Amino acid sequence: KNNKVKAVVSSDRRSLIKCNHTATHLLHAALREIIGPHVRQSGSLVAPDRLRFDFTNLNPLTDQELNNIESRVCEKIRANTNVEVYWTSYAKAVDEGALAFFGDTYENQVRTIKIDPPWSYELCGGTHMDSTGGIGSFIILSETGIGTGIRRIEAVTGIHAEKTIKQYFSIIDNLSKMF
């Protein structure tokens, strides 16, 4: 039959996903800078309310390493750096240092995301902020092992980071009243 369908993208939901997706790139670059170049993405989830990033590393991260990573991501957010979308050939992107994972097969032309290049330069087809400042804030919630040599970081950005901070302050306030 001739039924009509209208697809609508929720701009609010998409904006939250953009924050988390762009922060995922910043997190990956910070991990490689602070932990080492052996760190490789091995999976991720980019949702409106959080991000999850799986990566290669044999050991759990220390509290100091996690603080350094979080601080580095926040520094890049505050710098309000442009997020550049760049189309090029796969070979040129890799020659220029773009990270490409998962053994994916790529067409001749690929889409890359550059943030403060060469600090963060990856092949990526997802949706992103125009600049890092739009992320707002970034908080690491947890770091765990999910398999041999695979670690997972869960984090929040923007309004969800603000809600997390308010929740933590409320817990502290309630505990101080109890004691």
Protein backbone atom coordinates (compact mmCIF):
# COMPACT_ATOMS: atom_id res chain seq x y z
CA LYS A 1 0.00 0.00 0.00
CA ASN A 2 1.00 3.65 -0.17
CA ASN A 3 1.58 4.24 3.53
CA LYS A 4 3.78 7.22 4.28
CA VAL A 5 6.48 7.10 6.91
CA LYS A 6 8.30 10.05 8.40
CA ALA A 7 11.60 9.43 10.19
CA VAL A 8 12.57 11.97 12.81
CA VAL A 9 15.87 12.21 14.64
CA SER A 10 15.67 13.41 18.24
CA SER A 11 18.05 16.37 18.33
CA ASP A 12 18.32 16.18 22.15
CA ARG A 13 19.27 12.49 22.08
CA ARG A 14 21.69 13.05 19.20
CA SER A 15 23.39 15.92 21.07
CA LEU A 16 23.98 13.67 24.10
CA ILE A 17 25.41 10.95 21.85
CA LYS A 18 27.68 13.50 20.14
CA CYS A 19 29.13 14.49 23.54
CA ASN A 20 29.84 10.89 24.50
CA HIS A 21 31.20 9.91 21.10
CA THR A 22 33.62 12.83 20.94
CA ALA A 23 34.68 12.16 24.55
CA THR A 24 35.38 8.54 23.56
CA HIS A 25 37.98 9.78 21.07
CA LEU A 26 39.52 12.02 23.74
CA LEU A 27 39.59 9.11 26.21
CA HIS A 28 41.30 6.85 23.69
CA ALA A 29 43.98 9.45 22.96
CA ALA A 30 44.52 10.11 26.69
CA LEU A 31 44.89 6.38 27.39
CA ARG A 32 47.49 6.04 24.63
CA GLU A 33 49.37 9.10 25.90
CA ILE A 34 49.37 8.16 29.59
CA ILE A 35 49.31 4.35 29.59
CA GLY A 36 51.15 3.76 26.33
CA PRO A 37 50.82 3.27 22.57
CA HIS A 38 49.99 -0.42 23.08
CA VAL A 39 46.46 0.66 24.10
CA ARG A 40 43.97 -0.25 21.37
CA GLN A 41 40.22 0.12 21.35
CA SER A 42 38.55 -3.27 21.49
CA GLY A 43 34.93 -2.15 21.76
CA SER A 44 32.74 0.72 22.88
CA LEU A 45 29.23 1.83 23.65
CA VAL A 46 28.12 5.37 22.99
CA ALA A 47 24.73 5.99 24.57
CA PRO A 48 22.90 9.21 25.44
CA ASP A 49 23.56 8.76 29.17
CA ARG A 50 27.08 7.27 29.22
CA LEU A 51 30.02 5.90 27.34
CA ARG A 52 31.85 2.62 27.72
CA PHE A 53 35.31 2.07 26.28
CA ASP A 54 37.03 -1.32 26.13
CA PHE A 55 40.77 -1.33 25.51
CA THR A 56 43.84 -3.53 25.57
CA ASN A 57 45.98 -3.37 28.69
CA LEU A 58 47.26 -6.16 30.89
CA ASN A 59 47.01 -4.41 34.25
CA PRO A 60 44.31 -2.49 36.10
CA LEU A 61 44.83 1.25 36.04
CA THR A 62 45.93 2.92 39.27
CA ASP A 63 43.93 5.72 40.86
CA GLN A 64 46.68 8.13 39.81
CA GLU A 65 46.53 6.94 36.18
CA LEU A 66 42.74 7.30 36.15
CA ASN A 67 43.02 10.82 37.61
CA ASN A 68 45.64 11.73 35.01
CA ILE A 69 43.48 10.37 32.18
CA GLU A 70 40.36 12.18 33.40
CA SER A 71 42.34 15.42 33.83
CA ARG A 72 43.81 15.15 30.33
CA VAL A 73 40.38 14.63 28.76
CA CYS A 74 38.99 17.59 30.75
CA GLU A 75 41.93 19.72 29.63
CA LYS A 76 41.13 18.95 25.98
CA ILE A 77 37.45 19.75 26.61
CA ARG A 78 38.33 23.12 28.18
CA ALA A 79 40.61 23.91 25.23
CA ASN A 80 37.47 23.90 23.06
CA THR A 81 39.41 22.48 20.12
CA ASN A 82 37.68 22.09 16.76
CA VAL A 83 36.67 18.56 15.81
CA GLU A 84 37.64 18.21 12.16
CA VAL A 85 35.88 15.81 9.81
CA TYR A 86 38.29 14.93 7.06
CA TRP A 87 37.77 12.69 4.02
CA THR A 88 40.82 11.06 2.46
CA SER A 89 42.03 7.75 1.09
CA TYR A 90 42.53 4.90 3.54
CA ALA A 91 46.23 4.64 2.64
CA LYS A 92 46.84 8.37 3.16
CA ALA A 93 44.98 8.38 6.49
CA VAL A 94 47.05 5.48 7.82
CA ASP A 95 50.26 7.02 6.45
CA GLU A 96 49.39 10.25 8.30
CA GLY A 97 48.94 8.30 11.54
CA ALA A 98 45.18 7.76 11.70
CA LEU A 99 44.18 4.87 13.93
CA ALA A 100 42.07 2.15 12.33
CA PHE A 101 41.02 -0.96 14.22
CA PHE A 102 38.89 -4.07 14.14
CA GLY A 103 40.25 -5.38 10.85
CA ASP A 104 37.44 -3.58 9.04
CA THR A 105 37.58 -3.36 5.31
CA TYR A 106 37.45 0.21 4.10
CA GLU A 107 36.51 1.81 0.84
CA ASN A 108 39.10 3.94 -0.92
CA GLN A 109 37.66 7.13 0.63
CA VAL A 110 37.39 7.13 4.43
CA ARG A 111 36.06 9.57 6.98
CA THR A 112 38.43 10.60 9.74
CA ILE A 113 38.02 12.61 12.91
CA LYS A 114 40.86 14.90 13.96
CA ILE A 115 41.03 16.51 17.38
CA ASP A 116 44.16 18.54 18.03
CA PRO A 117 45.99 16.49 15.39
CA PRO A 118 48.00 14.40 15.66
CA TRP A 119 46.88 13.92 19.29
CA SER A 120 43.62 12.24 18.24
CA TYR A 121 43.24 11.10 14.65
CA GLU A 122 41.01 8.11 13.88
CA LEU A 123 38.84 6.66 11.17
CA CYS A 124 35.25 7.14 12.29
CA GLY A 125 31.82 7.39 10.74
CA GLY A 126 29.94 8.53 13.86
CA THR A 127 28.36 11.78 14.93
CA HIS A 128 30.52 14.32 16.81
CA MET A 129 30.55 17.74 18.42
CA ASP A 130 31.88 20.63 16.32
CA SER A 131 34.31 21.45 19.12
CA THR A 132 35.37 19.73 22.33
CA GLY A 133 34.00 22.45 24.62
CA GLY A 134 30.47 21.32 23.82
CA ILE A 135 31.09 18.13 25.81
CA GLY A 136 30.92 20.19 29.00
CA SER A 137 32.44 17.84 31.55
CA PHE A 138 33.79 14.30 31.80
CA ILE A 139 33.85 11.93 34.76
CA ILE A 140 35.22 8.40 34.87
CA LEU A 141 32.84 6.22 36.89
CA SER A 142 34.72 2.93 36.83
CA GLU A 143 37.58 0.89 35.39
CA THR A 144 37.32 -2.91 35.40
CA GLY A 145 38.71 -5.99 33.74
CA ILE A 146 36.38 -7.80 31.36
CA GLY A 147 38.76 -10.45 30.01
CA THR A 148 42.40 -11.33 29.71
CA GLY A 149 44.22 -8.18 28.66
CA ILE A 150 40.98 -6.22 28.16
CA ARG A 151 39.95 -3.36 30.45
CA ARG A 152 36.77 -1.27 30.48
CA ILE A 153 36.21 2.35 31.42
CA GLU A 154 32.72 3.71 31.97
CA ALA A 155 32.23 7.47 32.02
CA VAL A 156 29.66 10.24 31.76
CA THR A 157 29.70 13.65 30.11
CA GLY A 158 27.70 16.86 30.08
CA ILE A 159 24.42 16.90 31.97
CA HIS A 160 24.90 13.32 33.15
CA ALA A 161 28.28 14.26 34.66
CA GLU A 162 26.60 17.18 36.43
CA LYS A 163 23.88 14.86 37.78
CA THR A 164 26.56 12.45 39.01
CA ILE A 165 28.39 15.23 40.86
CA LYS A 166 25.14 16.39 42.49
CA GLN A 167 24.39 12.79 43.49
CA TYR A 168 27.84 12.40 45.07
CA PHE A 169 27.48 15.69 46.97
CA SER A 170 24.07 14.59 48.23
CA ILE A 171 25.57 11.34 49.53
CA ILE A 172 28.34 13.24 51.30
CA ASP A 173 25.84 15.71 52.76
CA ASN A 174 23.59 12.91 54.02
CA LEU A 175 26.54 11.05 55.57
CA SER A 176 27.79 14.21 57.29
CA LYS A 177 24.33 14.78 58.79
CA MET A 178 24.27 11.20 60.06
CA PHE A 179 27.61 11.58 61.80
